[in-house]
PDB file of all heavy atoms in Angstrom:
ATOM      1  N   GLY A   1     -20.862  50.979  96.846  1.00  0.00           N
ATOM      2  CA  GLY A   1     -19.701  50.098  96.788  1.00  0.00           C
ATOM      3  C   GLY A   1     -18.822  50.254  98.001  1.00  0.00           C
ATOM      4  O   GLY A   1     -18.866  51.268  98.697  1.00  0.00           O
ATOM      5  N   SER A   2     -18.050  49.231  98.233  1.00  0.00           N
ATOM      6  CA  SER A   2     -17.127  49.251  99.366  1.00  0.00           C
ATOM      7  C   SER A   2     -15.699  49.327  98.857  1.00  0.00           C
ATOM      8  O   SER A   2     -15.438  49.147  97.669  1.00  0.00           O
ATOM      9  CB  SER A   2     -17.296  47.982 100.202  1.00  0.00           C
ATOM     10  OG  SER A   2     -16.800  46.867  99.477  1.00  0.00           O
ATOM     11  N   GLY A   3     -14.786  49.558  99.755  1.00  0.00           N
ATOM     12  CA  GLY A   3     -13.377  49.599  99.399  1.00  0.00           C
ATOM     13  C   GLY A   3     -12.857  48.271  98.889  1.00  0.00           C
ATOM     14  O   GLY A   3     -11.817  48.208  98.249  1.00  0.00           O
ATOM     15  N   THR A   4     -13.600  47.199  99.151  1.00  0.00           N
ATOM     16  CA  THR A   4     -13.190  45.873  98.677  1.00  0.00           C
ATOM     17  C   THR A   4     -13.658  45.608  97.254  1.00  0.00           C
ATOM     18  O   THR A   4     -13.363  44.563  96.699  1.00  0.00           O
ATOM     19  CB  THR A   4     -13.739  44.765  99.593  1.00  0.00           C
ATOM     20  OG1 THR A   4     -15.174  44.796  99.550  1.00  0.00           O
ATOM     21  CG2 THR A   4     -13.250  44.934 101.018  1.00  0.00           C
ATOM     22  N   GLY A   5     -14.405  46.548  96.677  1.00  0.00           N
ATOM     23  CA  GLY A   5     -14.883  46.396  95.313  1.00  0.00           C
ATOM     24  C   GLY A   5     -16.250  45.759  95.197  1.00  0.00           C
ATOM     25  O   GLY A   5     -16.779  45.597  94.110  1.00  0.00           O
ATOM     26  N   VAL A   6     -16.857  45.391  96.313  1.00  0.00           N
ATOM     27  CA  VAL A   6     -18.194  44.800  96.303  1.00  0.00           C
ATOM     28  C   VAL A   6     -19.210  45.917  96.115  1.00  0.00           C
ATOM     29  O   VAL A   6     -19.164  46.933  96.811  1.00  0.00           O
ATOM     30  CB  VAL A   6     -18.463  44.037  97.618  1.00  0.00           C
ATOM     31  CG1 VAL A   6     -19.884  43.514  97.649  1.00  0.00           C
ATOM     32  CG2 VAL A   6     -17.464  42.909  97.786  1.00  0.00           C
ATOM     33  N   THR A   7     -20.119  45.743  95.156  1.00  0.00           N
ATOM     34  CA  THR A   7     -21.150  46.748  94.919  1.00  0.00           C
ATOM     35  C   THR A   7     -22.529  46.122  95.012  1.00  0.00           C
ATOM     36  O   THR A   7     -22.702  44.924  94.836  1.00  0.00           O
ATOM     37  CB  THR A   7     -21.005  47.404  93.534  1.00  0.00           C
ATOM     38  OG1 THR A   7     -21.138  46.406  92.537  1.00  0.00           O
ATOM     39  CG2 THR A   7     -19.677  48.116  93.391  1.00  0.00           C
ATOM     40  N   GLU A   8     -23.497  46.974  95.275  1.00  0.00           N
ATOM     41  CA  GLU A   8     -24.884  46.543  95.335  1.00  0.00           C
ATOM     42  C   GLU A   8     -25.741  47.615  94.683  1.00  0.00           C
ATOM     43  O   GLU A   8     -25.566  48.805  94.959  1.00  0.00           O
ATOM     44  CB  GLU A   8     -25.306  46.344  96.790  1.00  0.00           C
ATOM     45  CG  GLU A   8     -26.752  45.921  96.928  1.00  0.00           C
ATOM     46  CD  GLU A   8     -27.169  45.717  98.376  1.00  0.00           C
ATOM     47  OE1 GLU A   8     -26.298  45.582  99.247  1.00  0.00           O
ATOM     48  OE2 GLU A   8     -28.384  45.721  98.615  1.00  0.00           O
ATOM     49  N   ILE A   9     -26.653  47.207  93.824  1.00  0.00           N
ATOM     50  CA  ILE A   9     -27.571  48.151  93.193  1.00  0.00           C
ATOM     51  C   ILE A   9     -28.617  48.559  94.229  1.00  0.00           C
ATOM     52  O   ILE A   9     -29.311  47.713  94.779  1.00  0.00           O
ATOM     53  CB  ILE A   9     -28.252  47.534  91.957  1.00  0.00           C
ATOM     54  CG1 ILE A   9     -27.209  47.153  90.905  1.00  0.00           C
ATOM     55  CG2 ILE A   9     -29.276  48.509  91.372  1.00  0.00           C
ATOM     56  CD1 ILE A   9     -27.780  46.375  89.723  1.00  0.00           C
ATOM     57  N   LEU A  10     -28.696  49.863  94.500  1.00  0.00           N
ATOM     58  CA  LEU A  10     -29.690  50.386  95.434  1.00  0.00           C
ATOM     59  C   LEU A  10     -30.989  50.730  94.729  1.00  0.00           C
ATOM     60  O   LEU A  10     -32.066  50.633  95.312  1.00  0.00           O
ATOM     61  CB  LEU A  10     -29.151  51.635  96.134  1.00  0.00           C
ATOM     62  CG  LEU A  10     -27.869  51.466  96.937  1.00  0.00           C
ATOM     63  CD1 LEU A  10     -27.427  52.810  97.511  1.00  0.00           C
ATOM     64  CD2 LEU A  10     -28.044  50.434  98.033  1.00  0.00           C
ATOM     65  N   TRP A  11     -30.868  51.184  93.490  1.00  0.00           N
ATOM     66  CA  TRP A  11     -32.037  51.561  92.704  1.00  0.00           C
ATOM     67  C   TRP A  11     -31.647  51.528  91.241  1.00  0.00           C
ATOM     68  O   TRP A  11     -30.522  51.841  90.880  1.00  0.00           O
ATOM     69  CB  TRP A  11     -32.512  52.967  93.068  1.00  0.00           C
ATOM     70  CG  TRP A  11     -33.767  53.332  92.351  1.00  0.00           C
ATOM     71  CD1 TRP A  11     -35.040  53.153  92.797  1.00  0.00           C
ATOM     72  CD2 TRP A  11     -33.882  53.900  91.047  1.00  0.00           C
ATOM     73  NE1 TRP A  11     -35.926  53.567  91.848  1.00  0.00           N
ATOM     74  CE2 TRP A  11     -35.235  54.028  90.755  1.00  0.00           C
ATOM     75  CE3 TRP A  11     -32.960  54.282  90.088  1.00  0.00           C
ATOM     76  CZ2 TRP A  11     -35.708  54.547  89.558  1.00  0.00           C
ATOM     77  CZ3 TRP A  11     -33.421  54.793  88.893  1.00  0.00           C
ATOM     78  CH2 TRP A  11     -34.782  54.928  88.644  1.00  0.00           C
ATOM     79  N   SER A  12     -32.597  51.148  90.402  1.00  0.00           N
ATOM     80  CA  SER A  12     -32.331  51.149  88.968  1.00  0.00           C
ATOM     81  C   SER A  12     -33.634  51.376  88.212  1.00  0.00           C
ATOM     82  O   SER A  12     -34.704  50.967  88.669  1.00  0.00           O
ATOM     83  CB  SER A  12     -31.728  49.802  88.558  1.00  0.00           C
ATOM     84  OG  SER A  12     -31.617  49.721  87.163  1.00  0.00           O
ATOM     85  N   SER A  13     -33.512  52.000  87.048  1.00  0.00           N
ATOM     86  CA  SER A  13     -34.685  52.176  86.200  1.00  0.00           C
ATOM     87  C   SER A  13     -34.988  50.890  85.429  1.00  0.00           C
ATOM     88  O   SER A  13     -35.944  50.830  84.685  1.00  0.00           O
ATOM     89  CB  SER A  13     -34.477  53.353  85.242  1.00  0.00           C
ATOM     90  OG  SER A  13     -33.344  53.122  84.420  1.00  0.00           O
ATOM     91  N   GLY A  14     -34.161  49.869  85.619  1.00  0.00           N
ATOM     92  CA  GLY A  14     -34.408  48.564  85.016  1.00  0.00           C
ATOM     93  C   GLY A  14     -33.760  48.416  83.656  1.00  0.00           C
ATOM     94  O   GLY A  14     -33.025  49.281  83.183  1.00  0.00           O
ATOM     95  N   GLY A  15     -34.012  47.281  83.038  1.00  0.00           N
ATOM     96  CA  GLY A  15     -33.526  47.014  81.688  1.00  0.00           C
ATOM     97  C   GLY A  15     -32.032  47.135  81.535  1.00  0.00           C
ATOM     98  O   GLY A  15     -31.255  46.462  82.199  1.00  0.00           O
ATOM     99  N   ILE A  16     -31.620  48.017  80.646  1.00  0.00           N
ATOM    100  CA  ILE A  16     -30.216  48.195  80.308  1.00  0.00           C
ATOM    101  C   ILE A  16     -29.384  48.605  81.522  1.00  0.00           C
ATOM    102  O   ILE A  16     -28.229  48.199  81.663  1.00  0.00           O
ATOM    103  CB  ILE A  16     -30.065  49.200  79.138  1.00  0.00           C
ATOM    104  CG1 ILE A  16     -28.683  49.094  78.510  1.00  0.00           C
ATOM    105  CG2 ILE A  16     -30.344  50.606  79.587  1.00  0.00           C
ATOM    106  CD1 ILE A  16     -28.587  49.863  77.197  1.00  0.00           C
ATOM    107  N   SER A  17     -29.968  49.376  82.432  1.00  0.00           N
ATOM    108  CA  SER A  17     -29.233  49.810  83.631  1.00  0.00           C
ATOM    109  C   SER A  17     -28.892  48.621  84.517  1.00  0.00           C
ATOM    110  O   SER A  17     -27.764  48.494  84.988  1.00  0.00           O
ATOM    111  CB  SER A  17     -30.051  50.823  84.427  1.00  0.00           C
ATOM    112  OG  SER A  17     -30.265  51.982  83.673  1.00  0.00           O
ATOM    113  N   ASP A  18     -29.869  47.755  84.757  1.00  0.00           N
ATOM    114  CA  ASP A  18     -29.613  46.552  85.555  1.00  0.00           C
ATOM    115  C   ASP A  18     -28.552  45.686  84.898  1.00  0.00           C
ATOM    116  O   ASP A  18     -27.627  45.206  85.551  1.00  0.00           O
ATOM    117  CB  ASP A  18     -30.888  45.713  85.714  1.00  0.00           C
ATOM    118  CG  ASP A  18     -31.844  46.269  86.741  1.00  0.00           C
ATOM    119  OD1 ASP A  18     -31.429  47.102  87.567  1.00  0.00           O
ATOM    120  OD2 ASP A  18     -33.015  45.857  86.723  1.00  0.00           O
ATOM    121  N   GLY A  19     -28.691  45.484  83.600  1.00  0.00           N
ATOM    122  CA  GLY A  19     -27.754  44.634  82.868  1.00  0.00           C
ATOM    123  C   GLY A  19     -26.334  45.152  82.935  1.00  0.00           C
ATOM    124  O   GLY A  19     -25.392  44.381  83.157  1.00  0.00           O
ATOM    125  N   PHE A  20     -26.178  46.450  82.758  1.00  0.00           N
ATOM    126  CA  PHE A  20     -24.832  47.018  82.768  1.00  0.00           C
ATOM    127  C   PHE A  20     -24.222  46.978  84.165  1.00  0.00           C
ATOM    128  O   PHE A  20     -23.043  46.664  84.324  1.00  0.00           O
ATOM    129  CB  PHE A  20     -24.836  48.444  82.214  1.00  0.00           C
ATOM    130  CG  PHE A  20     -23.445  48.959  81.954  1.00  0.00           C
ATOM    131  CD1 PHE A  20     -22.723  48.521  80.859  1.00  0.00           C
ATOM    132  CD2 PHE A  20     -22.857  49.863  82.814  1.00  0.00           C
ATOM    133  CE1 PHE A  20     -21.431  48.972  80.620  1.00  0.00           C
ATOM    134  CE2 PHE A  20     -21.567  50.327  82.586  1.00  0.00           C
ATOM    135  CZ  PHE A  20     -20.852  49.877  81.488  1.00  0.00           C
ATOM    136  N   GLU A  21     -25.006  47.286  85.186  1.00  0.00           N
ATOM    137  CA  GLU A  21     -24.498  47.228  86.563  1.00  0.00           C
ATOM    138  C   GLU A  21     -24.104  45.800  86.925  1.00  0.00           C
ATOM    139  O   GLU A  21     -23.065  45.568  87.534  1.00  0.00           O
ATOM    140  CB  GLU A  21     -25.534  47.764  87.555  1.00  0.00           C
ATOM    141  CG  GLU A  21     -25.705  49.257  87.516  1.00  0.00           C
ATOM    142  CD  GLU A  21     -24.474  50.018  87.972  1.00  0.00           C
ATOM    143  OE1 GLU A  21     -23.707  49.519  88.813  1.00  0.00           O
ATOM    144  OE2 GLU A  21     -24.274  51.135  87.487  1.00  0.00           O
ATOM    145  N   ASP A  22     -24.937  44.825  86.556  1.00  0.00           N
ATOM    146  CA  ASP A  22     -24.608  43.424  86.816  1.00  0.00           C
ATOM    147  C   ASP A  22     -23.326  43.021  86.096  1.00  0.00           C
ATOM    148  O   ASP A  22     -22.502  42.297  86.636  1.00  0.00           O
ATOM    149  CB  ASP A  22     -25.755  42.507  86.384  1.00  0.00           C
ATOM    150  CG  ASP A  22     -26.948  42.549  87.320  1.00  0.00           C
ATOM    151  OD1 ASP A  22     -26.793  43.012  88.470  1.00  0.00           O
ATOM    152  OD2 ASP A  22     -28.040  42.128  86.902  1.00  0.00           O
ATOM    153  N   LEU A  23     -23.186  43.484  84.867  1.00  0.00           N
ATOM    154  CA  LEU A  23     -22.000  43.164  84.073  1.00  0.00           C
ATOM    155  C   LEU A  23     -20.731  43.704  84.741  1.00  0.00           C
ATOM    156  O   LEU A  23     -19.734  42.989  84.878  1.00  0.00           O
ATOM    157  CB  LEU A  23     -22.165  43.751  82.675  1.00  0.00           C
ATOM    158  CG  LEU A  23     -21.194  43.319  81.597  1.00  0.00           C
ATOM    159  CD1 LEU A  23     -21.244  41.818  81.392  1.00  0.00           C
ATOM    160  CD2 LEU A  23     -21.534  44.031  80.288  1.00  0.00           C
ATOM    161  N   GLN A  24     -20.779  44.952  85.188  1.00  0.00           N
ATOM    162  CA  GLN A  24     -19.611  45.533  85.864  1.00  0.00           C
ATOM    163  C   GLN A  24     -19.284  44.772  87.146  1.00  0.00           C
ATOM    164  O   GLN A  24     -18.116  44.492  87.433  1.00  0.00           O
ATOM    165  CB  GLN A  24     -19.857  47.005  86.209  1.00  0.00           C
ATOM    166  CG  GLN A  24     -19.901  47.920  85.020  1.00  0.00           C
ATOM    167  CD  GLN A  24     -19.976  49.358  85.468  1.00  0.00           C
ATOM    168  OE1 GLN A  24     -18.976  50.050  85.459  1.00  0.00           O
ATOM    169  NE2 GLN A  24     -21.151  49.805  85.879  1.00  0.00           N
ATOM    170  N   ALA A  25     -20.318  44.408  87.908  1.00  0.00           N
ATOM    171  CA  ALA A  25     -20.094  43.685  89.162  1.00  0.00           C
ATOM    172  C   ALA A  25     -19.522  42.292  88.902  1.00  0.00           C
ATOM    173  O   ALA A  25     -18.600  41.851  89.588  1.00  0.00           O
ATOM    174  CB  ALA A  25     -21.400  43.581  89.947  1.00  0.00           C
ATOM    175  N   THR A  26     -20.037  41.624  87.890  1.00  0.00           N
ATOM    176  CA  THR A  26     -19.570  40.277  87.568  1.00  0.00           C
ATOM    177  C   THR A  26     -18.142  40.283  87.055  1.00  0.00           C
ATOM    178  O   THR A  26     -17.314  39.464  87.466  1.00  0.00           O
ATOM    179  CB  THR A  26     -20.489  39.628  86.512  1.00  0.00           C
ATOM    180  OG1 THR A  26     -21.818  39.568  87.038  1.00  0.00           O
ATOM    181  CG2 THR A  26     -20.034  38.237  86.141  1.00  0.00           C
ATOM    182  N   LEU A  27     -17.836  41.226  86.161  1.00  0.00           N
ATOM    183  CA  LEU A  27     -16.510  41.271  85.538  1.00  0.00           C
ATOM    184  C   LEU A  27     -15.479  41.998  86.390  1.00  0.00           C
ATOM    185  O   LEU A  27     -14.275  41.826  86.192  1.00  0.00           O
ATOM    186  CB  LEU A  27     -16.601  41.942  84.166  1.00  0.00           C
ATOM    187  CG  LEU A  27     -17.490  41.244  83.142  1.00  0.00           C
ATOM    188  CD1 LEU A  27     -17.624  42.094  81.882  1.00  0.00           C
ATOM    189  CD2 LEU A  27     -16.943  39.853  82.817  1.00  0.00           C
ATOM    190  N   GLY A  28     -15.954  42.849  87.302  1.00  0.00           N
ATOM    191  CA  GLY A  28     -15.034  43.624  88.137  1.00  0.00           C
ATOM    192  C   GLY A  28     -14.289  44.691  87.361  1.00  0.00           C
ATOM    193  O   GLY A  28     -13.219  45.144  87.770  1.00  0.00           O
ATOM    194  N   GLN A  29     -14.854  45.104  86.238  1.00  0.00           N
ATOM    195  CA  GLN A  29     -14.213  46.148  85.449  1.00  0.00           C
ATOM    196  C   GLN A  29     -15.263  47.049  84.826  1.00  0.00           C
ATOM    197  O   GLN A  29     -16.407  46.664  84.670  1.00  0.00           O
ATOM    198  CB  GLN A  29     -13.321  45.558  84.363  1.00  0.00           C
ATOM    199  CG  GLN A  29     -14.016  44.640  83.394  1.00  0.00           C
ATOM    200  CD  GLN A  29     -13.070  44.031  82.370  1.00  0.00           C
ATOM    201  OE1 GLN A  29     -13.206  44.310  81.206  1.00  0.00           O
ATOM    202  NE2 GLN A  29     -12.129  43.219  82.805  1.00  0.00           N
ATOM    203  N   GLY A  30     -14.846  48.258  84.525  1.00  0.00           N
ATOM    204  CA  GLY A  30     -15.746  49.227  83.912  1.00  0.00           C
ATOM    205  C   GLY A  30     -15.648  50.559  84.610  1.00  0.00           C
ATOM    206  O   GLY A  30     -14.874  50.738  85.562  1.00  0.00           O
ATOM    207  N   PRO A  31     -16.435  51.514  84.170  1.00  0.00           N
ATOM    208  CA  PRO A  31     -16.374  52.846  84.760  1.00  0.00           C
ATOM    209  C   PRO A  31     -16.808  52.880  86.224  1.00  0.00           C
ATOM    210  O   PRO A  31     -16.289  53.666  87.002  1.00  0.00           O
ATOM    211  CB  PRO A  31     -17.298  53.683  83.877  1.00  0.00           C
ATOM    212  CG  PRO A  31     -18.049  52.725  83.043  1.00  0.00           C
ATOM    213  CD  PRO A  31     -17.324  51.439  83.023  1.00  0.00           C
ATOM    214  N   GLY A  32     -17.740  52.018  86.620  1.00  0.00           N
ATOM    215  CA  GLY A  32     -18.170  51.979  88.021  1.00  0.00           C
ATOM    216  C   GLY A  32     -17.045  51.572  88.953  1.00  0.00           C
ATOM    217  O   GLY A  32     -16.723  52.300  89.896  1.00  0.00           O
ATOM    218  N   PRO A  33     -16.427  50.404  88.735  1.00  0.00           N
ATOM    219  CA  PRO A  33     -15.295  50.018  89.579  1.00  0.00           C
ATOM    220  C   PRO A  33     -14.139  51.025  89.529  1.00  0.00           C
ATOM    221  O   PRO A  33     -13.502  51.288  90.544  1.00  0.00           O
ATOM    222  CB  PRO A  33     -14.869  48.663  89.012  1.00  0.00           C
ATOM    223  CG  PRO A  33     -16.118  48.098  88.419  1.00  0.00           C
ATOM    224  CD  PRO A  33     -16.839  49.291  87.864  1.00  0.00           C
ATOM    225  N   ASP A  34     -13.877  51.598  88.353  1.00  0.00           N
ATOM    226  CA  ASP A  34     -12.809  52.598  88.248  1.00  0.00           C
ATOM    227  C   ASP A  34     -13.134  53.839  89.069  1.00  0.00           C
ATOM    228  O   ASP A  34     -12.272  54.394  89.751  1.00  0.00           O
ATOM    229  CB  ASP A  34     -12.568  52.997  86.798  1.00  0.00           C
ATOM    230  CG  ASP A  34     -11.801  51.952  86.000  1.00  0.00           C
ATOM    231  OD1 ASP A  34     -11.554  50.847  86.535  1.00  0.00           O
ATOM    232  OD2 ASP A  34     -11.473  52.230  84.837  1.00  0.00           O
ATOM    233  N   SER A  35     -14.386  54.287  89.010  1.00  0.00           N
ATOM    234  CA  SER A  35     -14.819  55.462  89.752  1.00  0.00           C
ATOM    235  C   SER A  35     -14.721  55.216  91.249  1.00  0.00           C
ATOM    236  O   SER A  35     -14.242  56.065  91.999  1.00  0.00           O
ATOM    237  CB  SER A  35     -16.260  55.816  89.367  1.00  0.00           C
ATOM    238  OG  SER A  35     -16.722  56.911  90.103  1.00  0.00           O
ATOM    239  N   LEU A  36     -15.136  54.043  91.679  1.00  0.00           N
ATOM    240  CA  LEU A  36     -15.070  53.692  93.095  1.00  0.00           C
ATOM    241  C   LEU A  36     -13.619  53.635  93.573  1.00  0.00           C
ATOM    242  O   LEU A  36     -13.278  54.178  94.618  1.00  0.00           O
ATOM    243  CB  LEU A  36     -15.761  52.347  93.328  1.00  0.00           C
ATOM    244  CG  LEU A  36     -15.818  51.854  94.764  1.00  0.00           C
ATOM    245  CD1 LEU A  36     -16.604  52.812  95.642  1.00  0.00           C
ATOM    246  CD2 LEU A  36     -16.431  50.458  94.814  1.00  0.00           C
ATOM    247  N   ALA A  37     -12.764  53.014  92.786  1.00  0.00           N
ATOM    248  CA  ALA A  37     -11.353  52.871  93.174  1.00  0.00           C
ATOM    249  C   ALA A  37     -10.621  54.211  93.225  1.00  0.00           C
ATOM    250  O   ALA A  37      -9.828  54.463  94.125  1.00  0.00           O
ATOM    251  CB  ALA A  37     -10.636  51.934  92.208  1.00  0.00           C
ATOM    252  N   ALA A  38     -10.897  55.080  92.256  1.00  0.00           N
ATOM    253  CA  ALA A  38     -10.182  56.352  92.166  1.00  0.00           C
ATOM    254  C   ALA A  38     -10.846  57.483  92.955  1.00  0.00           C
ATOM    255  O   ALA A  38     -10.217  58.495  93.240  1.00  0.00           O
ATOM    256  CB  ALA A  38     -10.042  56.774  90.702  1.00  0.00           C
ATOM    257  N   GLY A  39     -12.137  57.314  93.272  1.00  0.00           N
ATOM    258  CA  GLY A  39     -12.860  58.370  93.962  1.00  0.00           C
ATOM    259  C   GLY A  39     -13.148  59.569  93.088  1.00  0.00           C
ATOM    260  O   GLY A  39     -13.343  60.671  93.573  1.00  0.00           O
ATOM    261  N   THR A  40     -13.160  59.356  91.773  1.00  0.00           N
ATOM    262  CA  THR A  40     -13.443  60.433  90.823  1.00  0.00           C
ATOM    263  C   THR A  40     -14.485  59.977  89.821  1.00  0.00           C
ATOM    264  O   THR A  40     -14.747  58.786  89.669  1.00  0.00           O
ATOM    265  CB  THR A  40     -12.178  60.847  90.037  1.00  0.00           C
ATOM    266  OG1 THR A  40     -11.711  59.714  89.301  1.00  0.00           O
ATOM    267  CG2 THR A  40     -11.087  61.333  90.969  1.00  0.00           C
ATOM    268  N   ALA A  41     -15.056  60.929  89.125  1.00  0.00           N
ATOM    269  CA  ALA A  41     -16.025  60.608  88.080  1.00  0.00           C
ATOM    270  C   ALA A  41     -15.315  59.975  86.887  1.00  0.00           C
ATOM    271  O   ALA A  41     -14.170  60.309  86.586  1.00  0.00           O
ATOM    272  CB  ALA A  41     -16.755  61.870  87.638  1.00  0.00           C
ATOM    273  N   VAL A  42     -16.015  59.060  86.240  1.00  0.00           N
ATOM    274  CA  VAL A  42     -15.524  58.449  85.001  1.00  0.00           C
ATOM    275  C   VAL A  42     -16.606  58.668  83.951  1.00  0.00           C
ATOM    276  O   VAL A  42     -17.742  58.238  84.117  1.00  0.00           O
ATOM    277  CB  VAL A  42     -15.231  56.938  85.173  1.00  0.00           C
ATOM    278  CG1 VAL A  42     -14.825  56.319  83.849  1.00  0.00           C
ATOM    279  CG2 VAL A  42     -14.151  56.719  86.224  1.00  0.00           C
ATOM    280  N   ARG A  43     -16.237  59.365  82.888  1.00  0.00           N
ATOM    281  CA  ARG A  43     -17.192  59.688  81.818  1.00  0.00           C
ATOM    282  C   ARG A  43     -16.756  59.006  80.536  1.00  0.00           C
ATOM    283  O   ARG A  43     -15.634  59.196  80.079  1.00  0.00           O
ATOM    284  CB  ARG A  43     -17.247  61.196  81.612  1.00  0.00           C
ATOM    285  CG  ARG A  43     -17.763  61.930  82.813  1.00  0.00           C
ATOM    286  CD  ARG A  43     -17.598  63.443  82.649  1.00  0.00           C
ATOM    287  NE  ARG A  43     -17.959  64.138  83.857  1.00  0.00           N
ATOM    288  CZ  ARG A  43     -17.101  64.481  84.812  1.00  0.00           C
ATOM    289  NH1 ARG A  43     -15.832  64.193  84.686  1.00  0.00           N
ATOM    290  NH2 ARG A  43     -17.516  65.111  85.878  1.00  0.00           N
ATOM    291  N   VAL A  44     -17.677  58.234  79.966  1.00  0.00           N
ATOM    292  CA  VAL A  44     -17.391  57.525  78.719  1.00  0.00           C
ATOM    293  C   VAL A  44     -18.517  57.878  77.742  1.00  0.00           C
ATOM    294  O   VAL A  44     -19.548  57.214  77.700  1.00  0.00           O
ATOM    295  CB  VAL A  44     -17.307  55.997  78.936  1.00  0.00           C
ATOM    296  CG1 VAL A  44     -16.901  55.296  77.654  1.00  0.00           C
ATOM    297  CG2 VAL A  44     -16.353  55.661  80.067  1.00  0.00           C
ATOM    298  N   PRO A  45     -18.343  58.947  76.949  1.00  0.00           N
ATOM    299  CA  PRO A  45     -19.412  59.387  76.056  1.00  0.00           C
ATOM    300  C   PRO A  45     -19.674  58.447  74.887  1.00  0.00           C
ATOM    301  O   PRO A  45     -20.743  58.497  74.288  1.00  0.00           O
ATOM    302  CB  PRO A  45     -18.941  60.755  75.569  1.00  0.00           C
ATOM    303  CG  PRO A  45     -17.486  60.808  75.855  1.00  0.00           C
ATOM    304  CD  PRO A  45     -17.205  59.855  76.956  1.00  0.00           C
ATOM    305  N   ASP A  46     -18.734  57.578  74.556  1.00  0.00           N
ATOM    306  CA  ASP A  46     -18.928  56.618  73.467  1.00  0.00           C
ATOM    307  C   ASP A  46     -18.183  55.330  73.811  1.00  0.00           C
ATOM    308  O   ASP A  46     -16.977  55.216  73.610  1.00  0.00           O
ATOM    309  CB  ASP A  46     -18.419  57.190  72.146  1.00  0.00           C
ATOM    310  CG  ASP A  46     -18.736  56.304  70.952  1.00  0.00           C
ATOM    311  OD1 ASP A  46     -19.168  55.146  71.146  1.00  0.00           O
ATOM    312  OD2 ASP A  46     -18.533  56.762  69.822  1.00  0.00           O
TER     313      ASP A  46
END
């Protein structure tokens, strides 16, 4: 990801991983964008 919030999938195991990454990129929200913006890990166990 870049500082502008644009992300690109470099590798995925497919299926649910692709879907979730696409969803975060499309919506611009989720643990991925939060982690990128804050520079820290985001853990959501449930």
